[in-house]
């Protein structure tokens, strides 16, 4: 906006009110008239605004995921409270895991097993 005001030498009166033109008559640049140029600048502004909205949505999603993660950790802490994990039986720990945690545990165990098998094959 300021760029347009400077380009066409408009000034805003200190007391408010309509803009005052103080320069020469605006020139048509590269085949664009004033209204077309103004529309192009509006389009750029809208694109920047949309990009800002997308970034805001991504940040909001990340915050929600982080809050969910913190909530799950606190829930797990409560379920594991009073349990000596170092000396607990597997069944005691397994019973306190929710279905999602059990699936993740199995997946991680399978990945670890595959890595170990792959390492053993390469070492042989």
PDB file of N, CA and C in Angstrom:
ATOM      1  N   UNK A   1       0.828  -1.178   0.000  1.00  0.00           N
ATOM      2  CA  UNK A   1       0.000   0.000   0.000  1.00  0.00           C
ATOM      3  C   UNK A   1       0.879   1.252   0.000  1.00  0.00           C
ATOM      4  N   UNK A   2       1.881   1.261   0.914  1.00  0.00           N
ATOM      5  CA  UNK A   2       2.770   2.419   0.961  1.00  0.00           C
ATOM      6  C   UNK A   2       3.500   2.595  -0.356  1.00  0.00           C
ATOM      7  N   UNK A   3       3.875   1.470  -0.976  1.00  0.00           N
ATOM      8  CA  UNK A   3       4.568   1.526  -2.262  1.00  0.00           C
ATOM      9  C   UNK A   3       3.694   2.208  -3.310  1.00  0.00           C
ATOM     10  N   UNK A   4       2.425   1.872  -3.332  1.00  0.00           N
ATOM     11  CA  UNK A   4       1.503   2.490  -4.287  1.00  0.00           C
ATOM     12  C   UNK A   4       1.365   3.973  -3.998  1.00  0.00           C
ATOM     13  N   UNK A   5       1.247   4.309  -2.711  1.00  0.00           N
ATOM     14  CA  UNK A   5       1.130   5.728  -2.347  1.00  0.00           C
ATOM     15  C   UNK A   5       2.368   6.508  -2.780  1.00  0.00           C
ATOM     16  N   UNK A   6       3.545   5.925  -2.535  1.00  0.00           N
ATOM     17  CA  UNK A   6       4.777   6.603  -2.922  1.00  0.00           C
ATOM     18  C   UNK A   6       4.882   6.711  -4.440  1.00  0.00           C
ATOM     19  N   UNK A   7       4.536   5.626  -5.134  1.00  0.00           N
ATOM     20  CA  UNK A   7       4.677   5.577  -6.582  1.00  0.00           C
ATOM     21  C   UNK A   7       3.847   6.669  -7.243  1.00  0.00           C
ATOM     22  N   UNK A   8       2.663   6.864  -6.762  1.00  0.00           N
ATOM     23  CA  UNK A   8       1.771   7.844  -7.369  1.00  0.00           C
ATOM     24  C   UNK A   8       1.707   9.126  -6.554  1.00  0.00           C
ATOM     25  N   UNK A   9       2.563   9.239  -5.566  1.00  0.00           N
ATOM     26  CA  UNK A   9       2.727  10.438  -4.751  1.00  0.00           C
ATOM     27  C   UNK A   9       1.415  10.915  -4.121  1.00  0.00           C
ATOM     28  N   UNK A  10       0.783   9.990  -3.415  1.00  0.00           N
ATOM     29  CA  UNK A  10      -0.380  10.334  -2.626  1.00  0.00           C
ATOM     30  C   UNK A  10       0.103  10.520  -1.188  1.00  0.00           C
ATOM     31  N   UNK A  11      -0.564  11.367  -0.447  1.00  0.00           N
ATOM     32  CA  UNK A  11      -0.274  11.530   0.976  1.00  0.00           C
ATOM     33  C   UNK A  11      -1.584  11.478   1.744  1.00  0.00           C
ATOM     34  N   UNK A  12      -1.488  10.969   2.962  1.00  0.00           N
ATOM     35  CA  UNK A  12      -2.658  10.938   3.826  1.00  0.00           C
ATOM     36  C   UNK A  12      -2.607  12.172   4.719  1.00  0.00           C
ATOM     37  N   UNK A  13      -3.640  12.958   4.737  1.00  0.00           N
ATOM     38  CA  UNK A  13      -3.658  14.147   5.600  1.00  0.00           C
ATOM     39  C   UNK A  13      -3.525  13.721   7.063  1.00  0.00           C
ATOM     40  N   UNK A  14      -2.822  14.519   7.850  1.00  0.00           N
ATOM     41  CA  UNK A  14      -2.592  14.187   9.252  1.00  0.00           C
ATOM     42  C   UNK A  14      -3.890  14.070  10.035  1.00  0.00           C
ATOM     43  N   UNK A  15      -4.859  14.865   9.701  1.00  0.00           N
ATOM     44  CA  UNK A  15      -6.130  14.840  10.415  1.00  0.00           C
ATOM     45  C   UNK A  15      -7.070  13.756   9.919  1.00  0.00           C
ATOM     46  N   UNK A  16      -6.625  12.937   8.943  1.00  0.00           N
ATOM     47  CA  UNK A  16      -7.477  11.907   8.371  1.00  0.00           C
ATOM     48  C   UNK A  16      -8.170  12.417   7.133  1.00  0.00           C
ATOM     49  N   UNK A  17      -9.017  11.635   6.580  1.00  0.00           N
ATOM     50  CA  UNK A  17      -9.758  12.026   5.394  1.00  0.00           C
ATOM     51  C   UNK A  17      -9.201  11.380   4.144  1.00  0.00           C
ATOM     52  N   UNK A  18      -9.639  11.881   3.002  1.00  0.00           N
ATOM     53  CA  UNK A  18      -9.265  11.308   1.709  1.00  0.00           C
ATOM     54  C   UNK A  18      -7.798  11.567   1.403  1.00  0.00           C
ATOM     55  N   UNK A  19      -7.198  10.659   0.651  1.00  0.00           N
ATOM     56  CA  UNK A  19      -5.815  10.812   0.220  1.00  0.00           C
ATOM     57  C   UNK A  19      -5.715  11.996  -0.720  1.00  0.00           C
ATOM     58  N   UNK A  20      -4.589  12.676  -0.660  1.00  0.00           N
ATOM     59  CA  UNK A  20      -4.377  13.817  -1.540  1.00  0.00           C
ATOM     60  C   UNK A  20      -3.285  13.472  -2.533  1.00  0.00           C
ATOM     61  N   UNK A  21      -3.519  13.747  -3.809  1.00  0.00           N
ATOM     62  CA  UNK A  21      -2.531  13.509  -4.855  1.00  0.00           C
ATOM     63  C   UNK A  21      -1.627  14.724  -4.934  1.00  0.00           C
ATOM     64  N   UNK A  22      -0.289  14.496  -4.804  1.00  0.00           N
ATOM     65  CA  UNK A  22       0.644  15.628  -4.808  1.00  0.00           C
ATOM     66  C   UNK A  22       1.645  15.550  -5.942  1.00  0.00           C
ATOM     67  N   UNK A  23       1.579  14.499  -6.743  1.00  0.00           N
ATOM     68  CA  UNK A  23       2.565  14.329  -7.808  1.00  0.00           C
ATOM     69  C   UNK A  23       1.980  14.589  -9.165  1.00  0.00           C
ATOM     70  N   UNK A  24       2.686  14.099 -10.157  1.00  0.00           N
ATOM     71  CA  UNK A  24       2.220  14.214 -11.533  1.00  0.00           C
ATOM     72  C   UNK A  24       1.138  13.180 -11.773  1.00  0.00           C
ATOM     73  N   UNK A  25       0.462  13.320 -12.883  1.00  0.00           N
ATOM     74  CA  UNK A  25      -0.565  12.355 -13.245  1.00  0.00           C
ATOM     75  C   UNK A  25       0.069  10.975 -13.360  1.00  0.00           C
ATOM     76  N   UNK A  26      -0.515   9.946 -12.744  1.00  0.00           N
ATOM     77  CA  UNK A  26       0.067   8.602 -12.830  1.00  0.00           C
ATOM     78  C   UNK A  26       0.259   8.175 -14.273  1.00  0.00           C
ATOM     79  N   UNK A  27       1.390   7.529 -14.530  1.00  0.00           N
ATOM     80  CA  UNK A  27       1.709   7.051 -15.875  1.00  0.00           C
ATOM     81  C   UNK A  27       1.271   5.604 -16.020  1.00  0.00           C
ATOM     82  N   UNK A  28       0.941   5.223 -17.228  1.00  0.00           N
ATOM     83  CA  UNK A  28       0.643   3.821 -17.502  1.00  0.00           C
ATOM     84  C   UNK A  28       1.971   3.137 -17.762  1.00  0.00           C
ATOM     85  N   UNK A  29       2.284   2.130 -16.935  1.00  0.00           N
ATOM     86  CA  UNK A  29       3.559   1.431 -17.066  1.00  0.00           C
ATOM     87  C   UNK A  29       3.349   0.084 -17.713  1.00  0.00           C
ATOM     88  N   UNK A  30       4.155  -0.196 -18.694  1.00  0.00           N
ATOM     89  CA  UNK A  30       4.188  -1.497 -19.359  1.00  0.00           C
ATOM     90  C   UNK A  30       2.796  -2.000 -19.712  1.00  0.00           C
ATOM     91  N   UNK A  31       1.962  -1.126 -20.204  1.00  0.00           N
ATOM     92  CA  UNK A  31       0.645  -1.548 -20.681  1.00  0.00           C
ATOM     93  C   UNK A  31      -0.379  -1.759 -19.585  1.00  0.00           C
ATOM     94  N   UNK A  32      -0.035  -1.481 -18.333  1.00  0.00           N
ATOM     95  CA  UNK A  32      -0.992  -1.669 -17.246  1.00  0.00           C
ATOM     96  C   UNK A  32      -1.553  -0.320 -16.845  1.00  0.00           C
ATOM     97  N   UNK A  33      -2.845  -0.257 -16.656  1.00  0.00           N
ATOM     98  CA  UNK A  33      -3.379   0.976 -16.115  1.00  0.00           C
ATOM     99  C   UNK A  33      -3.414   0.871 -14.589  1.00  0.00           C
ATOM    100  N   UNK A  34      -3.740   1.945 -13.948  1.00  0.00           N
ATOM    101  CA  UNK A  34      -3.710   2.007 -12.488  1.00  0.00           C
ATOM    102  C   UNK A  34      -4.580   0.915 -11.860  1.00  0.00           C
ATOM    103  N   UNK A  35      -5.795   0.718 -12.385  1.00  0.00           N
ATOM    104  CA  UNK A  35      -6.710  -0.268 -11.819  1.00  0.00           C
ATOM    105  C   UNK A  35      -6.176  -1.685 -11.983  1.00  0.00           C
ATOM    106  N   UNK A  36      -5.603  -1.997 -13.165  1.00  0.00           N
ATOM    107  CA  UNK A  36      -5.045  -3.330 -13.379  1.00  0.00           C
ATOM    108  C   UNK A  36      -3.891  -3.593 -12.424  1.00  0.00           C
ATOM    109  N   UNK A  37      -3.038  -2.598 -12.247  1.00  0.00           N
ATOM    110  CA  UNK A  37      -1.898  -2.761 -11.346  1.00  0.00           C
ATOM    111  C   UNK A  37      -2.384  -2.957  -9.913  1.00  0.00           C
ATOM    112  N   UNK A  38      -3.405  -2.213  -9.551  1.00  0.00           N
ATOM    113  CA  UNK A  38      -3.959  -2.336  -8.209  1.00  0.00           C
ATOM    114  C   UNK A  38      -4.534  -3.741  -7.999  1.00  0.00           C
ATOM    115  N   UNK A  39      -5.223  -4.297  -9.036  1.00  0.00           N
ATOM    116  CA  UNK A  39      -5.774  -5.650  -8.945  1.00  0.00           C
ATOM    117  C   UNK A  39      -4.660  -6.677  -8.795  1.00  0.00           C
ATOM    118  N   UNK A  40      -3.565  -6.489  -9.548  1.00  0.00           N
ATOM    119  CA  UNK A  40      -2.433  -7.410  -9.439  1.00  0.00           C
ATOM    120  C   UNK A  40      -1.856  -7.384  -8.034  1.00  0.00           C
ATOM    121  N   UNK A  41      -1.726  -6.196  -7.468  1.00  0.00           N
ATOM    122  CA  UNK A  41      -1.194  -6.089  -6.112  1.00  0.00           C
ATOM    123  C   UNK A  41      -2.140  -6.749  -5.124  1.00  0.00           C
ATOM    124  N   UNK A  42      -3.454  -6.610  -5.348  1.00  0.00           N
ATOM    125  CA  UNK A  42      -4.427  -7.268  -4.486  1.00  0.00           C
ATOM    126  C   UNK A  42      -4.281  -8.779  -4.583  1.00  0.00           C
ATOM    127  N   UNK A  43      -4.079  -9.304  -5.820  1.00  0.00           N
ATOM    128  CA  UNK A  43      -3.899 -10.740  -6.013  1.00  0.00           C
ATOM    129  C   UNK A  43      -2.675 -11.239  -5.260  1.00  0.00           C
ATOM    130  N   UNK A  44      -1.578 -10.494  -5.327  1.00  0.00           N
ATOM    131  CA  UNK A  44      -0.365 -10.872  -4.602  1.00  0.00           C
ATOM    132  C   UNK A  44      -0.646 -10.882  -3.107  1.00  0.00           C
ATOM    133  N   UNK A  45      -1.363  -9.878  -2.644  1.00  0.00           N
ATOM    134  CA  UNK A  45      -1.712  -9.816  -1.226  1.00  0.00           C
ATOM    135  C   UNK A  45      -2.547 -11.004  -0.796  1.00  0.00           C
ATOM    136  N   UNK A  46      -3.506 -11.405  -1.654  1.00  0.00           N
ATOM    137  CA  UNK A  46      -4.339 -12.560  -1.337  1.00  0.00           C
ATOM    138  C   UNK A  46      -3.516 -13.839  -1.288  1.00  0.00           C
ATOM    139  N   UNK A  47      -2.578 -14.001  -2.245  1.00  0.00           N
ATOM    140  CA  UNK A  47      -1.725 -15.183  -2.254  1.00  0.00           C
ATOM    141  C   UNK A  47      -0.884 -15.241  -0.984  1.00  0.00           C
ATOM    142  N   UNK A  48      -0.324 -14.102  -0.582  1.00  0.00           N
ATOM    143  CA  UNK A  48       0.471 -14.071   0.645  1.00  0.00           C
ATOM    144  C   UNK A  48      -0.395 -14.386   1.853  1.00  0.00           C
ATOM    145  N   UNK A  49      -1.626 -13.887   1.850  1.00  0.00           N
ATOM    146  CA  UNK A  49      -2.540 -14.151   2.955  1.00  0.00           C
ATOM    147  C   UNK A  49      -2.881 -15.634   3.023  1.00  0.00           C
ATOM    148  N   UNK A  50      -3.126 -16.258   1.843  1.00  0.00           N
ATOM    149  CA  UNK A  50      -3.438 -17.686   1.805  1.00  0.00           C
ATOM    150  C   UNK A  50      -2.255 -18.508   2.305  1.00  0.00           C
ATOM    151  N   UNK A  51      -1.028 -18.126   1.905  1.00  0.00           N
ATOM    152  CA  UNK A  51       0.160 -18.825   2.377  1.00  0.00           C
ATOM    153  C   UNK A  51       0.265 -18.695   3.892  1.00  0.00           C
ATOM    154  N   UNK A  52      -0.021 -17.516   4.394  1.00  0.00           N
ATOM    155  CA  UNK A  52       0.018 -17.295   5.838  1.00  0.00           C
ATOM    156  C   UNK A  52      -1.008 -18.154   6.555  1.00  0.00           C
ATOM    157  N   UNK A  53      -2.214 -18.297   5.947  1.00  0.00           N
ATOM    158  CA  UNK A  53      -3.248 -19.145   6.523  1.00  0.00           C
ATOM    159  C   UNK A  53      -2.792 -20.588   6.582  1.00  0.00           C
ATOM    160  N   UNK A  54      -2.154 -21.080   5.496  1.00  0.00           N
ATOM    161  CA  UNK A  54      -1.675 -22.458   5.454  1.00  0.00           C
ATOM    162  C   UNK A  54      -0.616 -22.687   6.521  1.00  0.00           C
ATOM    163  N   UNK A  55       0.302 -21.735   6.670  1.00  0.00           N
ATOM    164  CA  UNK A  55       1.342 -21.863   7.693  1.00  0.00           C
ATOM    165  C   UNK A  55       0.709 -21.884   9.077  1.00  0.00           C
ATOM    166  N   UNK A  56      -0.287 -21.043   9.277  1.00  0.00           N
ATOM    167  CA  UNK A  56      -0.976 -21.004  10.563  1.00  0.00           C
ATOM    168  C   UNK A  56      -1.666 -22.315  10.865  1.00  0.00           C
ATOM    169  N   UNK A  57      -2.284 -22.914   9.837  1.00  0.00           N
ATOM    170  CA  UNK A  57      -2.951 -24.204  10.019  1.00  0.00           C
ATOM    171  C   UNK A  57      -1.945 -25.297  10.350  1.00  0.00           C
ATOM    172  N   UNK A  58      -0.789 -25.283   9.673  1.00  0.00           N
ATOM    173  CA  UNK A  58       0.246 -26.281   9.952  1.00  0.00           C
ATOM    174  C   UNK A  58       0.749 -26.137  11.379  1.00  0.00           C
ATOM    175  N   UNK A  59       0.993 -24.911  11.814  1.00  0.00           N
ATOM    176  CA  UNK A  59       1.455 -24.686  13.179  1.00  0.00           C
ATOM    177  C   UNK A  59       0.412 -25.157  14.176  1.00  0.00           C
ATOM    178  N   UNK A  60      -0.862 -24.894  13.862  1.00  0.00           N
ATOM    179  CA  UNK A  60      -1.945 -25.304  14.745  1.00  0.00           C
ATOM    180  C   UNK A  60      -2.010 -26.825  14.843  1.00  0.00           C
ATOM    181  N   UNK A  61      -1.846 -27.519  13.711  1.00  0.00           N
ATOM    182  CA  UNK A  61      -1.853 -28.979  13.708  1.00  0.00           C
ATOM    183  C   UNK A  61      -0.682 -29.528  14.510  1.00  0.00           C
ATOM    184  N   UNK A  62       0.498 -28.921  14.354  1.00  0.00           N
ATOM    185  CA  UNK A  62       1.667 -29.359  15.109  1.00  0.00           C
ATOM    186  C   UNK A  62       1.439 -29.187  16.607  1.00  0.00           C
ATOM    187  N   UNK A  63       0.832 -28.067  16.991  1.00  0.00           N
ATOM    188  CA  UNK A  63       0.547 -27.828  18.400  1.00  0.00           C
ATOM    189  C   UNK A  63      -0.442 -28.860  18.929  1.00  0.00           C
ATOM    190  N   UNK A  64      -1.471 -29.183  18.129  1.00  0.00           N
ATOM    191  CA  UNK A  64      -2.451 -30.178  18.545  1.00  0.00           C
ATOM    192  C   UNK A  64      -1.800 -31.547  18.697  1.00  0.00           C
ATOM    193  N   UNK A  65      -0.919 -31.916  17.745  1.00  0.00           N
ATOM    194  CA  UNK A  65      -0.220 -33.195  17.830  1.00  0.00           C
ATOM    195  C   UNK A  65       0.661 -33.236  19.068  1.00  0.00           C
ATOM    196  N   UNK A  66       1.334 -32.135  19.359  1.00  0.00           N
ATOM    197  CA  UNK A  66       2.203 -32.077  20.528  1.00  0.00           C
ATOM    198  C   UNK A  66       1.382 -32.208  21.807  1.00  0.00           C
ATOM    199  N   UNK A  67       0.243 -31.515  21.863  1.00  0.00           N
ATOM    200  CA  UNK A  67      -0.639 -31.607  23.025  1.00  0.00           C
ATOM    201  C   UNK A  67      -1.136 -33.041  23.201  1.00  0.00           C
ATOM    202  N   UNK A  68      -1.490 -33.682  22.088  1.00  0.00           N
ATOM    203  CA  UNK A  68      -1.959 -35.070  22.137  1.00  0.00           C
ATOM    204  C   UNK A  68      -0.850 -35.980  22.647  1.00  0.00           C
ATOM    205  N   UNK A  69       0.357 -35.768  22.164  1.00  0.00           N
ATOM    206  CA  UNK A  69       1.507 -36.568  22.577  1.00  0.00           C
ATOM    207  C   UNK A  69       1.779 -36.396  24.070  1.00  0.00           C
ATOM    208  N   UNK A  70       1.733 -35.158  24.534  1.00  0.00           N
ATOM    209  CA  UNK A  70       1.946 -34.886  25.958  1.00  0.00           C
ATOM    210  C   UNK A  70       0.856 -35.567  26.775  1.00  0.00           C
ATOM    211  N   UNK A  71      -0.374 -35.497  26.302  1.00  0.00           N
ATOM    212  CA  UNK A  71      -1.491 -36.141  26.991  1.00  0.00           C
ATOM    213  C   UNK A  71      -1.324 -37.651  27.071  1.00  0.00           C
ATOM    214  N   UNK A  72      -0.864 -38.255  25.954  1.00  0.00           N
ATOM    215  CA  UNK A  72      -0.655 -39.716  25.958  1.00  0.00           C
ATOM    216  C   UNK A  72       0.453 -40.101  26.932  1.00  0.00           C
ATOM    217  N   UNK A  73       1.535 -39.295  26.966  1.00  0.00           N
ATOM    218  CA  UNK A  73       2.633 -39.595  27.892  1.00  0.00           C
ATOM    219  C   UNK A  73       2.178 -39.515  29.343  1.00  0.00           C
ATOM    220  N   UNK A  74       1.391 -38.489  29.650  1.00  0.00           N
ATOM    221  CA  UNK A  74       0.895 -38.349  31.026  1.00  0.00           C
ATOM    222  C   UNK A  74      -0.012 -39.515  31.385  1.00  0.00           C
ATOM    223  N   UNK A  75      -0.852 -39.929  30.426  1.00  0.00           N
ATOM    224  CA  UNK A  75      -1.734 -41.068  30.647  1.00  0.00           C
ATOM    225  C   UNK A  75      -0.918 -42.334  30.902  1.00  0.00           C
ATOM    226  N   UNK A  76       0.124 -42.546  30.113  1.00  0.00           N
ATOM    227  CA  UNK A  76       0.990 -43.712  30.280  1.00  0.00           C
ATOM    228  C   UNK A  76       1.684 -43.667  31.642  1.00  0.00           C
ATOM    229  N   UNK A  77       2.144 -42.494  32.031  1.00  0.00           N
ATOM    230  CA  UNK A  77       2.784 -42.346  33.347  1.00  0.00           C
ATOM    231  C   UNK A  77       1.830 -42.763  34.460  1.00  0.00           C
ATOM    232  N   UNK A  78       0.576 -42.341  34.349  1.00  0.00           N
ATOM    233  CA  UNK A  78      -0.413 -42.703  35.363  1.00  0.00           C
ATOM    234  C   UNK A  78      -0.641 -44.221  35.403  1.00  0.00           C
ATOM    235  N   UNK A  79      -0.718 -44.830  34.220  1.00  0.00           N
ATOM    236  CA  UNK A  79      -0.950 -46.277  34.169  1.00  0.00           C
ATOM    237  C   UNK A  79       0.254 -47.063  34.671  1.00  0.00           C
ATOM    238  N   UNK A  80       1.447 -46.519  34.512  1.00  0.00           N
ATOM    239  CA  UNK A  80       2.659 -47.218  34.935  1.00  0.00           C
ATOM    240  C   UNK A  80       3.088 -46.845  36.359  1.00  0.00           C
ATOM    241  N   UNK A  81       2.353 -45.903  36.978  1.00  0.00           N
ATOM    242  CA  UNK A  81       2.701 -45.460  38.331  1.00  0.00           C
ATOM    243  C   UNK A  81       2.727 -46.646  39.291  1.00  0.00           C
ATOM    244  N   UNK A  82       3.732 -46.677  40.136  1.00  0.00           N
ATOM    245  CA  UNK A  82       3.846 -47.730  41.142  1.00  0.00           C
ATOM    246  C   UNK A  82       4.426 -49.023  40.613  1.00  0.00           C
ATOM    247  N   UNK A  83       4.802 -49.055  39.332  1.00  0.00           N
ATOM    248  CA  UNK A  83       5.348 -50.267  38.741  1.00  0.00           C
ATOM    249  C   UNK A  83       6.852 -50.100  38.564  1.00  0.00           C
ATOM    250  N   UNK A  84       7.615 -51.040  39.069  1.00  0.00           N
ATOM    251  CA  UNK A  84       9.062 -51.026  38.878  1.00  0.00           C
ATOM    252  C   UNK A  84       9.339 -51.667  37.519  1.00  0.00           C
ATOM    253  N   UNK A  85       9.441 -50.838  36.500  1.00  0.00           N
ATOM    254  CA  UNK A  85       9.553 -51.332  35.118  1.00  0.00           C
ATOM    255  C   UNK A  85      10.784 -52.204  34.933  1.00  0.00           C
ATOM    256  N   UNK A  86      11.872 -51.877  35.601  1.00  0.00           N
ATOM    257  CA  UNK A  86      13.114 -52.642  35.455  1.00  0.00           C
ATOM    258  C   UNK A  86      12.950 -54.085  35.923  1.00  0.00           C
ATOM    259  N   UNK A  87      12.107 -54.286  36.931  1.00  0.00           N
ATOM    260  CA  UNK A  87      11.951 -55.626  37.505  1.00  0.00           C
ATOM    261  C   UNK A  87      10.574 -56.242  37.259  1.00  0.00           C
ATOM    262  N   UNK A  88       9.718 -55.563  36.519  1.00  0.00           N
ATOM    263  CA  UNK A  88       8.354 -56.043  36.282  1.00  0.00           C
ATOM    264  C   UNK A  88       8.343 -57.156  35.236  1.00  0.00           C
ATOM    265  N   UNK A  89       7.357 -58.033  35.359  1.00  0.00           N
ATOM    266  CA  UNK A  89       7.136 -59.073  34.352  1.00  0.00           C
ATOM    267  C   UNK A  89       6.581 -58.422  33.088  1.00  0.00           C
ATOM    268  N   UNK A  90       6.835 -59.046  31.966  1.00  0.00           N
ATOM    269  CA  UNK A  90       6.332 -58.551  30.690  1.00  0.00           C
ATOM    270  C   UNK A  90       4.819 -58.388  30.740  1.00  0.00           C
ATOM    271  N   UNK A  91       4.110 -59.399  31.321  1.00  0.00           N
ATOM    272  CA  UNK A  91       2.647 -59.352  31.369  1.00  0.00           C
ATOM    273  C   UNK A  91       2.136 -58.165  32.171  1.00  0.00           C
ATOM    274  N   UNK A  92       2.843 -57.801  33.236  1.00  0.00           N
ATOM    275  CA  UNK A  92       2.423 -56.651  34.045  1.00  0.00           C
ATOM    276  C   UNK A  92       2.481 -55.362  33.214  1.00  0.00           C
ATOM    277  N   UNK A  93       3.524 -55.229  32.432  1.00  0.00           N
ATOM    278  CA  UNK A  93       3.677 -54.037  31.589  1.00  0.00           C
ATOM    279  C   UNK A  93       2.658 -54.078  30.453  1.00  0.00           C
ATOM    280  N   UNK A  94       2.541 -55.223  29.791  1.00  0.00           N
ATOM    281  CA  UNK A  94       1.650 -55.385  28.641  1.00  0.00           C
ATOM    282  C   UNK A  94       0.216 -55.040  29.000  1.00  0.00           C
ATOM    283  N   UNK A  95      -0.219 -55.467  30.203  1.00  0.00           N
ATOM    284  CA  UNK A  95      -1.597 -55.203  30.637  1.00  0.00           C
ATOM    285  C   UNK A  95      -1.883 -53.711  30.787  1.00  0.00           C
ATOM    286  N   UNK A  96      -0.864 -52.924  31.064  1.00  0.00           N
ATOM    287  CA  UNK A  96      -1.048 -51.489  31.283  1.00  0.00           C
ATOM    288  C   UNK A  96      -0.949 -50.672  29.992  1.00  0.00           C
ATOM    289  N   UNK A  97      -0.574 -51.315  28.889  1.00  0.00           N
ATOM    290  CA  UNK A  97      -0.503 -50.619  27.604  1.00  0.00           C
ATOM    291  C   UNK A  97      -1.878 -50.607  26.944  1.00  0.00           C
ATOM    292  N   UNK A  98      -2.195 -49.515  26.265  1.00  0.00           N
ATOM    293  CA  UNK A  98      -3.450 -49.472  25.517  1.00  0.00           C
ATOM    294  C   UNK A  98      -3.217 -50.130  24.151  1.00  0.00           C
ATOM    295  N   UNK A  99      -4.270 -50.432  23.395  1.00  0.00           N
ATOM    296  CA  UNK A  99      -4.117 -51.125  22.108  1.00  0.00           C
ATOM    297  C   UNK A  99      -3.151 -50.423  21.145  1.00  0.00           C
ATOM    298  N   UNK A 100      -3.177 -49.125  21.099  1.00  0.00           N
ATOM    299  CA  UNK A 100      -2.283 -48.385  20.207  1.00  0.00           C
ATOM    300  C   UNK A 100      -0.821 -48.600  20.603  1.00  0.00           C
ATOM    301  N   UNK A 101      -0.549 -48.547  21.894  1.00  0.00           N
ATOM    302  CA  UNK A 101       0.817 -48.756  22.385  1.00  0.00           C
ATOM    303  C   UNK A 101       1.277 -50.189  22.128  1.00  0.00           C
ATOM    304  N   UNK A 102       0.359 -51.129  22.271  1.00  0.00           N
ATOM    305  CA  UNK A 102       0.705 -52.530  21.998  1.00  0.00           C
ATOM    306  C   UNK A 102       1.073 -52.717  20.526  1.00  0.00           C
ATOM    307  N   UNK A 103       0.286 -52.112  19.626  1.00  0.00           N
ATOM    308  CA  UNK A 103       0.583 -52.201  18.190  1.00  0.00           C
ATOM    309  C   UNK A 103       1.942 -51.574  17.879  1.00  0.00           C
ATOM    310  N   UNK A 104       2.206 -50.433  18.480  1.00  0.00           N
ATOM    311  CA  UNK A 104       3.486 -49.762  18.250  1.00  0.00           C
ATOM    312  C   UNK A 104       4.644 -50.610  18.777  1.00  0.00           C
ATOM    313  N   UNK A 105       4.445 -51.234  19.923  1.00  0.00           N
ATOM    314  CA  UNK A 105       5.481 -52.095  20.492  1.00  0.00           C
ATOM    315  C   UNK A 105       5.783 -53.262  19.551  1.00  0.00           C
ATOM    316  N   UNK A 106       4.737 -53.899  19.050  1.00  0.00           N
ATOM    317  CA  UNK A 106       4.916 -55.037  18.140  1.00  0.00           C
ATOM    318  C   UNK A 106       5.623 -54.581  16.871  1.00  0.00           C
ATOM    319  N   UNK A 107       5.226 -53.450  16.315  1.00  0.00           N
ATOM    320  CA  UNK A 107       5.857 -52.932  15.103  1.00  0.00           C
ATOM    321  C   UNK A 107       7.337 -52.655  15.332  1.00  0.00           C
ATOM    322  N   UNK A 108       7.663 -52.005  16.434  1.00  0.00           N
ATOM    323  CA  UNK A 108       9.065 -51.704  16.742  1.00  0.00           C
ATOM    324  C   UNK A 108       9.877 -52.976  16.969  1.00  0.00           C
ATOM    325  N   UNK A 109       9.267 -53.960  17.634  1.00  0.00           N
ATOM    326  CA  UNK A 109       9.958 -55.231  17.864  1.00  0.00           C
ATOM    327  C   UNK A 109      10.228 -55.941  16.540  1.00  0.00           C
ATOM    328  N   UNK A 110       9.266 -55.893  15.609  1.00  0.00           N
ATOM    329  CA  UNK A 110       9.461 -56.509  14.303  1.00  0.00           C
ATOM    330  C   UNK A 110      10.566 -55.804  13.521  1.00  0.00           C
ATOM    331  N   UNK A 111      10.591 -54.482  13.573  1.00  0.00           N
ATOM    332  CA  UNK A 111      11.640 -53.721  12.886  1.00  0.00           C
ATOM    333  C   UNK A 111      13.012 -54.064  13.455  1.00  0.00           C
ATOM    334  N   UNK A 112      13.095 -54.150  14.767  1.00  0.00           N
ATOM    335  CA  UNK A 112      14.358 -54.488  15.413  1.00  0.00           C
ATOM    336  C   UNK A 112      14.804 -55.896  15.008  1.00  0.00           C
ATOM    337  N   UNK A 113      13.857 -56.824  14.968  1.00  0.00           N
ATOM    338  CA  UNK A 113      14.157 -58.200  14.568  1.00  0.00           C
ATOM    339  C   UNK A 113      14.650 -58.249  13.126  1.00  0.00           C
ATOM    340  N   UNK A 114      14.001 -57.480  12.242  1.00  0.00           N
ATOM    341  CA  UNK A 114      14.423 -57.429  10.839  1.00  0.00           C
ATOM    342  C   UNK A 114      15.823 -56.835  10.703  1.00  0.00           C
ATOM    343  N   UNK A 115      16.106 -55.786  11.471  1.00  0.00           N
ATOM    344  CA  UNK A 115      17.437 -55.177  11.440  1.00  0.00           C
ATOM    345  C   UNK A 115      18.502 -56.155  11.914  1.00  0.00           C
ATOM    346  N   UNK A 116      18.197 -56.877  12.992  1.00  0.00           N
ATOM    347  CA  UNK A 116      19.153 -57.857  13.514  1.00  0.00           C
ATOM    348  C   UNK A 116      19.376 -58.977  12.511  1.00  0.00           C
ATOM    349  N   UNK A 117      18.305 -59.439  11.878  1.00  0.00           N
ATOM    350  CA  UNK A 117      18.436 -60.502  10.870  1.00  0.00           C
ATOM    351  C   UNK A 117      19.257 -60.010   9.701  1.00  0.00           C
ATOM    352  N   UNK A 118      19.025 -58.803   9.274  1.00  0.00           N
ATOM    353  CA  UNK A 118      19.769 -58.219   8.156  1.00  0.00           C
ATOM    354  C   UNK A 118      21.239 -58.077   8.510  1.00  0.00           C
ATOM    355  N   UNK A 119      21.526 -57.650   9.719  1.00  0.00           N
ATOM    356  CA  UNK A 119      22.917 -57.487  10.169  1.00  0.00           C
ATOM    357  C   UNK A 119      23.613 -58.838  10.224  1.00  0.00           C
ATOM    358  N   UNK A 120      22.925 -59.857  10.708  1.00  0.00           N
ATOM    359  CA  UNK A 120      23.513 -61.203  10.805  1.00  0.00           C
ATOM    360  C   UNK A 120      23.812 -61.757   9.430  1.00  0.00           C
ATOM    361  N   UNK A 121      22.938 -61.502   8.446  1.00  0.00           N
ATOM    362  CA  UNK A 121      23.181 -61.988   7.090  1.00  0.00           C
ATOM    363  C   UNK A 121      24.382 -61.314   6.476  1.00  0.00           C
ATOM    364  N   UNK A 122      24.565 -60.030   6.733  1.00  0.00           N
ATOM    365  CA  UNK A 122      25.707 -59.293   6.179  1.00  0.00           C
ATOM    366  C   UNK A 122      27.018 -59.707   6.839  1.00  0.00           C
ATOM    367  N   UNK A 123      26.960 -60.068   8.108  1.00  0.00           N
ATOM    368  CA  UNK A 123      28.157 -60.458   8.836  1.00  0.00           C
ATOM    369  C   UNK A 123      28.612 -61.859   8.474  1.00  0.00           C
ATOM    370  N   UNK A 124      27.713 -62.688   7.960  1.00  0.00           N
ATOM    371  CA  UNK A 124      28.048 -64.096   7.652  1.00  0.00           C
ATOM    372  C   UNK A 124      28.863 -64.255   6.420  1.00  0.00           C
TER     373      UNK A 124
END
